[in-house]
Amino acid sequence: MAGKQVICLGDTTDHGGVVISALDNYNINGRPVATEGDSVSCPKCKGVFQITSGSSLMTFQGKKIALEGMKTTCGATLIASQSLMVSE
């Protein structure tokens, strides 16, 4: 199993977008953690889109945690800015 970094509020995408919503009660190093269904702004696709998937192994209160490399509904790829990794 390869390790992947957890996505947090403010992390970016390969479309130049930014994660704009995340959990308000779970964070890493003071930054809220993003989950499947959270929102990402996308300047390339001109809108706000959702994270389409989350970890099959890591959840919080029933929500799947988003990991680096996962996609948004516009096709953007999530890029983590911190180094905490989880097995996936």
PDB file of N, CA and C in Angstrom:
ATOM      1  N   MET A   1       0.838  -1.189   0.000  1.00  0.00           N
ATOM      2  CA  MET A   1       0.000   0.000   0.000  1.00  0.00           C
ATOM      3  C   MET A   1       0.879   1.249   0.000  1.00  0.00           C
ATOM      4  N   ALA A   2       0.572   2.160  -0.855  1.00  0.00           N
ATOM      5  CA  ALA A   2       1.316   3.410  -0.911  1.00  0.00           C
ATOM      6  C   ALA A   2       0.700   4.425   0.032  1.00  0.00           C
ATOM      7  N   GLY A   3       1.545   5.293   0.579  1.00  0.00           N
ATOM      8  CA  GLY A   3       1.040   6.352   1.439  1.00  0.00           C
ATOM      9  C   GLY A   3       0.623   7.562   0.631  1.00  0.00           C
ATOM     10  N   LYS A   4      -0.417   8.229   1.083  1.00  0.00           N
ATOM     11  CA  LYS A   4      -0.892   9.455   0.439  1.00  0.00           C
ATOM     12  C   LYS A   4      -1.118  10.505   1.512  1.00  0.00           C
ATOM     13  N   GLN A   5      -0.881  11.774   1.162  1.00  0.00           N
ATOM     14  CA  GLN A   5      -1.079  12.861   2.108  1.00  0.00           C
ATOM     15  C   GLN A   5      -2.556  13.238   2.218  1.00  0.00           C
ATOM     16  N   VAL A   6      -2.936  13.635   3.426  1.00  0.00           N
ATOM     17  CA  VAL A   6      -4.295  14.095   3.709  1.00  0.00           C
ATOM     18  C   VAL A   6      -4.477  15.503   3.135  1.00  0.00           C
ATOM     19  N   ILE A   7      -5.649  15.763   2.562  1.00  0.00           N
ATOM     20  CA  ILE A   7      -5.990  17.076   2.008  1.00  0.00           C
ATOM     21  C   ILE A   7      -6.650  17.926   3.091  1.00  0.00           C
ATOM     22  N   CYS A   8      -6.220  19.197   3.168  1.00  0.00           N
ATOM     23  CA  CYS A   8      -6.745  20.129   4.170  1.00  0.00           C
ATOM     24  C   CYS A   8      -7.290  21.387   3.499  1.00  0.00           C
ATOM     25  N   LEU A   9      -8.055  22.142   4.262  1.00  0.00           N
ATOM     26  CA  LEU A   9      -8.567  23.436   3.801  1.00  0.00           C
ATOM     27  C   LEU A   9      -7.402  24.283   3.291  1.00  0.00           C
ATOM     28  N   GLY A  10      -7.563  24.866   2.109  1.00  0.00           N
ATOM     29  CA  GLY A  10      -6.523  25.707   1.532  1.00  0.00           C
ATOM     30  C   GLY A  10      -5.565  24.981   0.606  1.00  0.00           C
ATOM     31  N   ASP A  11      -5.609  23.636   0.584  1.00  0.00           N
ATOM     32  CA  ASP A  11      -4.767  22.898  -0.356  1.00  0.00           C
ATOM     33  C   ASP A  11      -5.235  23.192  -1.776  1.00  0.00           C
ATOM     34  N   THR A  12      -4.393  22.872  -2.742  1.00  0.00           N
ATOM     35  CA  THR A  12      -4.639  23.275  -4.121  1.00  0.00           C
ATOM     36  C   THR A  12      -4.954  22.084  -5.030  1.00  0.00           C
ATOM     37  N   THR A  13      -5.228  22.422  -6.302  1.00  0.00           N
ATOM     38  CA  THR A  13      -5.449  21.404  -7.331  1.00  0.00           C
ATOM     39  C   THR A  13      -4.551  21.705  -8.525  1.00  0.00           C
ATOM     40  N   ASP A  14      -4.465  20.753  -9.433  1.00  0.00           N
ATOM     41  CA  ASP A  14      -3.666  20.967 -10.637  1.00  0.00           C
ATOM     42  C   ASP A  14      -4.352  21.901 -11.637  1.00  0.00           C
ATOM     43  N   HIS A  15      -5.565  22.341 -11.339  1.00  0.00           N
ATOM     44  CA  HIS A  15      -6.257  23.345 -12.158  1.00  0.00           C
ATOM     45  C   HIS A  15      -6.058  24.748 -11.590  1.00  0.00           C
ATOM     46  N   GLY A  16      -5.258  24.877 -10.529  1.00  0.00           N
ATOM     47  CA  GLY A  16      -5.053  26.174  -9.884  1.00  0.00           C
ATOM     48  C   GLY A  16      -6.115  26.501  -8.858  1.00  0.00           C
ATOM     49  N   GLY A  17      -6.956  25.535  -8.527  1.00  0.00           N
ATOM     50  CA  GLY A  17      -8.032  25.740  -7.561  1.00  0.00           C
ATOM     51  C   GLY A  17      -7.582  25.551  -6.127  1.00  0.00           C
ATOM     52  N   VAL A  18      -8.522  25.807  -5.207  1.00  0.00           N
ATOM     53  CA  VAL A  18      -8.251  25.741  -3.773  1.00  0.00           C
ATOM     54  C   VAL A  18      -9.413  25.047  -3.066  1.00  0.00           C
ATOM     55  N   VAL A  19      -9.084  24.199  -2.082  1.00  0.00           N
ATOM     56  CA  VAL A  19     -10.103  23.567  -1.239  1.00  0.00           C
ATOM     57  C   VAL A  19     -10.705  24.653  -0.349  1.00  0.00           C
ATOM     58  N   ILE A  20     -12.036  24.858  -0.437  1.00  0.00           N
ATOM     59  CA  ILE A  20     -12.677  25.963   0.279  1.00  0.00           C
ATOM     60  C   ILE A  20     -13.642  25.520   1.376  1.00  0.00           C
ATOM     61  N   SER A  21     -13.833  24.212   1.539  1.00  0.00           N
ATOM     62  CA  SER A  21     -14.627  23.740   2.677  1.00  0.00           C
ATOM     63  C   SER A  21     -13.982  22.480   3.234  1.00  0.00           C
ATOM     64  N   ALA A  22     -14.198  22.266   4.534  1.00  0.00           N
ATOM     65  CA  ALA A  22     -13.601  21.119   5.225  1.00  0.00           C
ATOM     66  C   ALA A  22     -14.323  20.926   6.550  1.00  0.00           C
ATOM     67  N   LEU A  23     -13.968  19.861   7.253  1.00  0.00           N
ATOM     68  CA  LEU A  23     -14.558  19.596   8.570  1.00  0.00           C
ATOM     69  C   LEU A  23     -14.206  20.718   9.538  1.00  0.00           C
ATOM     70  N   ASP A  24     -15.143  21.081  10.403  1.00  0.00           N
ATOM     71  CA  ASP A  24     -14.842  22.121  11.389  1.00  0.00           C
ATOM     72  C   ASP A  24     -14.408  21.540  12.729  1.00  0.00           C
ATOM     73  N   ASN A  25     -14.441  20.214  12.858  1.00  0.00           N
ATOM     74  CA  ASN A  25     -14.120  19.600  14.148  1.00  0.00           C
ATOM     75  C   ASN A  25     -13.031  18.533  14.056  1.00  0.00           C
ATOM     76  N   TYR A  26     -12.246  18.535  12.975  1.00  0.00           N
ATOM     77  CA  TYR A  26     -11.130  17.600  12.831  1.00  0.00           C
ATOM     78  C   TYR A  26     -10.053  18.294  12.021  1.00  0.00           C
ATOM     79  N   ASN A  27      -8.849  18.412  12.589  1.00  0.00           N
ATOM     80  CA  ASN A  27      -7.795  19.117  11.873  1.00  0.00           C
ATOM     81  C   ASN A  27      -6.445  18.444  12.040  1.00  0.00           C
ATOM     82  N   ILE A  28      -5.532  18.822  11.165  1.00  0.00           N
ATOM     83  CA  ILE A  28      -4.138  18.387  11.208  1.00  0.00           C
ATOM     84  C   ILE A  28      -3.291  19.642  11.257  1.00  0.00           C
ATOM     85  N   ASN A  29      -2.478  19.752  12.298  1.00  0.00           N
ATOM     86  CA  ASN A  29      -1.630  20.937  12.477  1.00  0.00           C
ATOM     87  C   ASN A  29      -2.441  22.229  12.392  1.00  0.00           C
ATOM     88  N   GLY A  30      -3.640  22.209  12.963  1.00  0.00           N
ATOM     89  CA  GLY A  30      -4.483  23.397  13.002  1.00  0.00           C
ATOM     90  C   GLY A  30      -5.269  23.676  11.733  1.00  0.00           C
ATOM     91  N   ARG A  31      -5.177  22.807  10.746  1.00  0.00           N
ATOM     92  CA  ARG A  31      -5.891  23.009   9.480  1.00  0.00           C
ATOM     93  C   ARG A  31      -7.005  21.986   9.335  1.00  0.00           C
ATOM     94  N   PRO A  32      -8.240  22.435   9.080  1.00  0.00           N
ATOM     95  CA  PRO A  32      -9.365  21.511   8.909  1.00  0.00           C
ATOM     96  C   PRO A  32      -9.124  20.521   7.767  1.00  0.00           C
ATOM     97  N   VAL A  33      -9.526  19.283   7.983  1.00  0.00           N
ATOM     98  CA  VAL A  33      -9.347  18.198   7.018  1.00  0.00           C
ATOM     99  C   VAL A  33     -10.533  18.155   6.050  1.00  0.00           C
ATOM    100  N   ALA A  34     -10.231  17.975   4.762  1.00  0.00           N
ATOM    101  CA  ALA A  34     -11.268  17.894   3.729  1.00  0.00           C
ATOM    102  C   ALA A  34     -11.744  16.453   3.557  1.00  0.00           C
ATOM    103  N   THR A  35     -13.010  16.314   3.167  1.00  0.00           N
ATOM    104  CA  THR A  35     -13.610  14.997   2.961  1.00  0.00           C
ATOM    105  C   THR A  35     -14.317  14.935   1.607  1.00  0.00           C
ATOM    106  N   GLU A  36     -14.708  13.729   1.236  1.00  0.00           N
ATOM    107  CA  GLU A  36     -15.517  13.536   0.035  1.00  0.00           C
ATOM    108  C   GLU A  36     -16.744  14.445   0.130  1.00  0.00           C
ATOM    109  N   GLY A  37     -17.014  15.210  -0.935  1.00  0.00           N
ATOM    110  CA  GLY A  37     -18.160  16.114  -0.951  1.00  0.00           C
ATOM    111  C   GLY A  37     -17.829  17.547  -0.597  1.00  0.00           C
ATOM    112  N   ASP A  38     -16.649  17.794  -0.013  1.00  0.00           N
ATOM    113  CA  ASP A  38     -16.266  19.175   0.283  1.00  0.00           C
ATOM    114  C   ASP A  38     -16.002  19.927  -1.018  1.00  0.00           C
ATOM    115  N   SER A  39     -15.994  21.251  -0.930  1.00  0.00           N
ATOM    116  CA  SER A  39     -15.932  22.102  -2.116  1.00  0.00           C
ATOM    117  C   SER A  39     -14.527  22.590  -2.447  1.00  0.00           C
ATOM    118  N   VAL A  40     -14.317  22.764  -3.763  1.00  0.00           N
ATOM    119  CA  VAL A  40     -13.055  23.251  -4.303  1.00  0.00           C
ATOM    120  C   VAL A  40     -13.388  24.303  -5.359  1.00  0.00           C
ATOM    121  N   SER A  41     -12.731  25.462  -5.280  1.00  0.00           N
ATOM    122  CA  SER A  41     -12.906  26.458  -6.337  1.00  0.00           C
ATOM    123  C   SER A  41     -11.997  26.075  -7.499  1.00  0.00           C
ATOM    124  N   CYS A  42     -12.438  26.357  -8.723  1.00  0.00           N
ATOM    125  CA  CYS A  42     -11.624  26.019  -9.889  1.00  0.00           C
ATOM    126  C   CYS A  42     -11.646  27.167 -10.895  1.00  0.00           C
ATOM    127  N   PRO A  43     -10.535  27.908 -11.001  1.00  0.00           N
ATOM    128  CA  PRO A  43     -10.496  28.998 -11.972  1.00  0.00           C
ATOM    129  C   PRO A  43     -10.481  28.499 -13.422  1.00  0.00           C
ATOM    130  N   LYS A  44      -9.936  27.322 -13.653  1.00  0.00           N
ATOM    131  CA  LYS A  44      -9.888  26.771 -15.013  1.00  0.00           C
ATOM    132  C   LYS A  44     -11.288  26.436 -15.520  1.00  0.00           C
ATOM    133  N   CYS A  45     -12.091  25.809 -14.678  1.00  0.00           N
ATOM    134  CA  CYS A  45     -13.450  25.401 -15.067  1.00  0.00           C
ATOM    135  C   CYS A  45     -14.507  26.429 -14.662  1.00  0.00           C
ATOM    136  N   LYS A  46     -14.062  27.500 -14.008  1.00  0.00           N
ATOM    137  CA  LYS A  46     -14.911  28.633 -13.637  1.00  0.00           C
ATOM    138  C   LYS A  46     -16.109  28.246 -12.775  1.00  0.00           C
ATOM    139  N   GLY A  47     -15.800  27.724 -11.589  1.00  0.00           N
ATOM    140  CA  GLY A  47     -16.880  27.377 -10.681  1.00  0.00           C
ATOM    141  C   GLY A  47     -16.391  26.731  -9.406  1.00  0.00           C
ATOM    142  N   VAL A  48     -17.359  26.246  -8.643  1.00  0.00           N
ATOM    143  CA  VAL A  48     -17.089  25.514  -7.405  1.00  0.00           C
ATOM    144  C   VAL A  48     -17.548  24.079  -7.626  1.00  0.00           C
ATOM    145  N   PHE A  49     -16.672  23.140  -7.303  1.00  0.00           N
ATOM    146  CA  PHE A  49     -16.922  21.727  -7.560  1.00  0.00           C
ATOM    147  C   PHE A  49     -16.660  20.925  -6.291  1.00  0.00           C
ATOM    148  N   GLN A  50     -17.091  19.671  -6.270  1.00  0.00           N
ATOM    149  CA  GLN A  50     -16.952  18.839  -5.078  1.00  0.00           C
ATOM    150  C   GLN A  50     -15.837  17.805  -5.252  1.00  0.00           C
ATOM    151  N   ILE A  51     -15.263  17.417  -4.114  1.00  0.00           N
ATOM    152  CA  ILE A  51     -14.307  16.313  -4.081  1.00  0.00           C
ATOM    153  C   ILE A  51     -15.123  15.032  -4.280  1.00  0.00           C
ATOM    154  N   THR A  52     -14.723  14.211  -5.252  1.00  0.00           N
ATOM    155  CA  THR A  52     -15.551  13.064  -5.647  1.00  0.00           C
ATOM    156  C   THR A  52     -15.296  11.780  -4.880  1.00  0.00           C
ATOM    157  N   SER A  53     -14.186  11.702  -4.158  1.00  0.00           N
ATOM    158  CA  SER A  53     -13.899  10.459  -3.440  1.00  0.00           C
ATOM    159  C   SER A  53     -13.106  10.734  -2.175  1.00  0.00           C
ATOM    160  N   GLY A  54     -13.010   9.706  -1.361  1.00  0.00           N
ATOM    161  CA  GLY A  54     -12.247   9.794  -0.126  1.00  0.00           C
ATOM    162  C   GLY A  54     -11.634   8.447   0.187  1.00  0.00           C
ATOM    163  N   SER A  55     -10.848   8.415   1.222  1.00  0.00           N
ATOM    164  CA  SER A  55     -10.149   7.202   1.625  1.00  0.00           C
ATOM    165  C   SER A  55     -11.118   6.069   1.949  1.00  0.00           C
ATOM    166  N   SER A  56     -10.780   4.879   1.484  1.00  0.00           N
ATOM    167  CA  SER A  56     -11.591   3.710   1.829  1.00  0.00           C
ATOM    168  C   SER A  56     -11.262   3.211   3.232  1.00  0.00           C
ATOM    169  N   LEU A  57     -10.163   3.696   3.797  1.00  0.00           N
ATOM    170  CA  LEU A  57      -9.711   3.234   5.111  1.00  0.00           C
ATOM    171  C   LEU A  57      -9.810   4.282   6.214  1.00  0.00           C
ATOM    172  N   MET A  58      -9.828   5.555   5.843  1.00  0.00           N
ATOM    173  CA  MET A  58      -9.790   6.619   6.844  1.00  0.00           C
ATOM    174  C   MET A  58     -11.056   7.473   6.759  1.00  0.00           C
ATOM    175  N   THR A  59     -11.857   7.431   7.828  1.00  0.00           N
ATOM    176  CA  THR A  59     -13.079   8.232   7.886  1.00  0.00           C
ATOM    177  C   THR A  59     -13.144   8.974   9.212  1.00  0.00           C
ATOM    178  N   PHE A  60     -13.983   9.996   9.259  1.00  0.00           N
ATOM    179  CA  PHE A  60     -14.263  10.720  10.493  1.00  0.00           C
ATOM    180  C   PHE A  60     -15.752  11.002  10.515  1.00  0.00           C
ATOM    181  N   GLN A  61     -16.439  10.497  11.520  1.00  0.00           N
ATOM    182  CA  GLN A  61     -17.887  10.634  11.663  1.00  0.00           C
ATOM    183  C   GLN A  61     -18.617  10.252  10.374  1.00  0.00           C
ATOM    184  N   GLY A  62     -18.165   9.146   9.770  1.00  0.00           N
ATOM    185  CA  GLY A  62     -18.802   8.613   8.573  1.00  0.00           C
ATOM    186  C   GLY A  62     -18.409   9.274   7.269  1.00  0.00           C
ATOM    187  N   LYS A  63     -17.541  10.277   7.318  1.00  0.00           N
ATOM    188  CA  LYS A  63     -17.108  10.964   6.100  1.00  0.00           C
ATOM    189  C   LYS A  63     -15.725  10.467   5.700  1.00  0.00           C
ATOM    190  N   LYS A  64     -15.556  10.174   4.412  1.00  0.00           N
ATOM    191  CA  LYS A  64     -14.276   9.692   3.903  1.00  0.00           C
ATOM    192  C   LYS A  64     -13.295  10.854   3.745  1.00  0.00           C
ATOM    193  N   ILE A  65     -12.101  10.697   4.320  1.00  0.00           N
ATOM    194  CA  ILE A  65     -11.069  11.729   4.269  1.00  0.00           C
ATOM    195  C   ILE A  65     -10.478  11.798   2.859  1.00  0.00           C
ATOM    196  N   ALA A  66     -10.331  13.021   2.321  1.00  0.00           N
ATOM    197  CA  ALA A  66      -9.754  13.225   0.993  1.00  0.00           C
ATOM    198  C   ALA A  66      -8.235  13.110   1.061  1.00  0.00           C
ATOM    199  N   LEU A  67      -7.663  12.476   0.039  1.00  0.00           N
ATOM    200  CA  LEU A  67      -6.220  12.270  -0.026  1.00  0.00           C
ATOM    201  C   LEU A  67      -5.652  12.826  -1.327  1.00  0.00           C
ATOM    202  N   GLU A  68      -4.356  13.136  -1.299  1.00  0.00           N
ATOM    203  CA  GLU A  68      -3.684  13.648  -2.488  1.00  0.00           C
ATOM    204  C   GLU A  68      -3.887  12.699  -3.669  1.00  0.00           C
ATOM    205  N   GLY A  69      -4.125  13.284  -4.843  1.00  0.00           N
ATOM    206  CA  GLY A  69      -4.319  12.499  -6.054  1.00  0.00           C
ATOM    207  C   GLY A  69      -5.771  12.209  -6.364  1.00  0.00           C
ATOM    208  N   MET A  70      -6.654  12.415  -5.385  1.00  0.00           N
ATOM    209  CA  MET A  70      -8.079  12.203  -5.639  1.00  0.00           C
ATOM    210  C   MET A  70      -8.612  13.354  -6.484  1.00  0.00           C
ATOM    211  N   LYS A  71      -9.796  13.181  -7.042  1.00  0.00           N
ATOM    212  CA  LYS A  71     -10.334  14.110  -8.035  1.00  0.00           C
ATOM    213  C   LYS A  71     -11.513  14.929  -7.524  1.00  0.00           C
ATOM    214  N   THR A  72     -11.813  15.980  -8.289  1.00  0.00           N
ATOM    215  CA  THR A  72     -13.013  16.784  -8.069  1.00  0.00           C
ATOM    216  C   THR A  72     -13.975  16.520  -9.231  1.00  0.00           C
ATOM    217  N   THR A  73     -15.200  17.017  -9.112  1.00  0.00           N
ATOM    218  CA  THR A  73     -16.191  16.783 -10.167  1.00  0.00           C
ATOM    219  C   THR A  73     -15.831  17.460 -11.485  1.00  0.00           C
ATOM    220  N   CYS A  74     -14.907  18.414 -11.483  1.00  0.00           N
ATOM    221  CA  CYS A  74     -14.473  19.026 -12.745  1.00  0.00           C
ATOM    222  C   CYS A  74     -13.247  18.317 -13.316  1.00  0.00           C
ATOM    223  N   GLY A  75     -12.746  17.305 -12.601  1.00  0.00           N
ATOM    224  CA  GLY A  75     -11.601  16.542 -13.090  1.00  0.00           C
ATOM    225  C   GLY A  75     -10.260  16.979 -12.544  1.00  0.00           C
ATOM    226  N   ALA A  76     -10.247  17.988 -11.686  1.00  0.00           N
ATOM    227  CA  ALA A  76      -8.986  18.449 -11.092  1.00  0.00           C
ATOM    228  C   ALA A  76      -8.450  17.404 -10.116  1.00  0.00           C
ATOM    229  N   THR A  77      -7.132  17.380  -9.961  1.00  0.00           N
ATOM    230  CA  THR A  77      -6.462  16.476  -9.032  1.00  0.00           C
ATOM    231  C   THR A  77      -6.029  17.255  -7.795  1.00  0.00           C
ATOM    232  N   LEU A  78      -6.321  16.710  -6.612  1.00  0.00           N
ATOM    233  CA  LEU A  78      -5.976  17.364  -5.348  1.00  0.00           C
ATOM    234  C   LEU A  78      -4.484  17.242  -5.054  1.00  0.00           C
ATOM    235  N   ILE A  79      -3.901  18.341  -4.523  1.00  0.00           N
ATOM    236  CA  ILE A  79      -2.484  18.399  -4.172  1.00  0.00           C
ATOM    237  C   ILE A  79      -2.361  18.794  -2.705  1.00  0.00           C
ATOM    238  N   ALA A  80      -1.733  17.945  -1.904  1.00  0.00           N
ATOM    239  CA  ALA A  80      -1.570  18.221  -0.467  1.00  0.00           C
ATOM    240  C   ALA A  80      -0.404  19.179  -0.230  1.00  0.00           C
ATOM    241  N   SER A  81      -0.525  19.993   0.822  1.00  0.00           N
ATOM    242  CA  SER A  81       0.552  20.920   1.176  1.00  0.00           C
ATOM    243  C   SER A  81       1.263  20.515   2.461  1.00  0.00           C
ATOM    244  N   GLN A  82       0.789  19.487   3.114  1.00  0.00           N
ATOM    245  CA  GLN A  82       1.434  19.019   4.344  1.00  0.00           C
ATOM    246  C   GLN A  82       1.895  17.579   4.120  1.00  0.00           C
ATOM    247  N   SER A  83       2.655  17.041   5.059  1.00  0.00           N
ATOM    248  CA  SER A  83       3.319  15.759   4.805  1.00  0.00           C
ATOM    249  C   SER A  83       2.754  14.556   5.554  1.00  0.00           C
ATOM    250  N   LEU A  84       1.678  14.723   6.340  1.00  0.00           N
ATOM    251  CA  LEU A  84       1.109  13.572   7.034  1.00  0.00           C
ATOM    252  C   LEU A  84       0.554  12.593   6.011  1.00  0.00           C
ATOM    253  N   MET A  85       1.032  11.356   6.065  1.00  0.00           N
ATOM    254  CA  MET A  85       0.606  10.349   5.098  1.00  0.00           C
ATOM    255  C   MET A  85      -0.189   9.250   5.778  1.00  0.00           C
ATOM    256  N   VAL A  86      -1.112   8.675   5.035  1.00  0.00           N
ATOM    257  CA  VAL A  86      -1.867   7.516   5.509  1.00  0.00           C
ATOM    258  C   VAL A  86      -1.760   6.426   4.451  1.00  0.00           C
ATOM    259  N   SER A  87      -1.885   5.189   4.871  1.00  0.00           N
ATOM    260  CA  SER A  87      -1.878   4.076   3.920  1.00  0.00           C
ATOM    261  C   SER A  87      -3.220   4.022   3.215  1.00  0.00           C
ATOM    262  N   GLU A  88      -3.193   3.707   1.951  1.00  0.00           N
ATOM    263  CA  GLU A  88      -4.431   3.609   1.175  1.00  0.00           C
ATOM    264  C   GLU A  88      -4.350   2.452   0.221  1.00  0.00           C
TER     265      GLU A  88
END
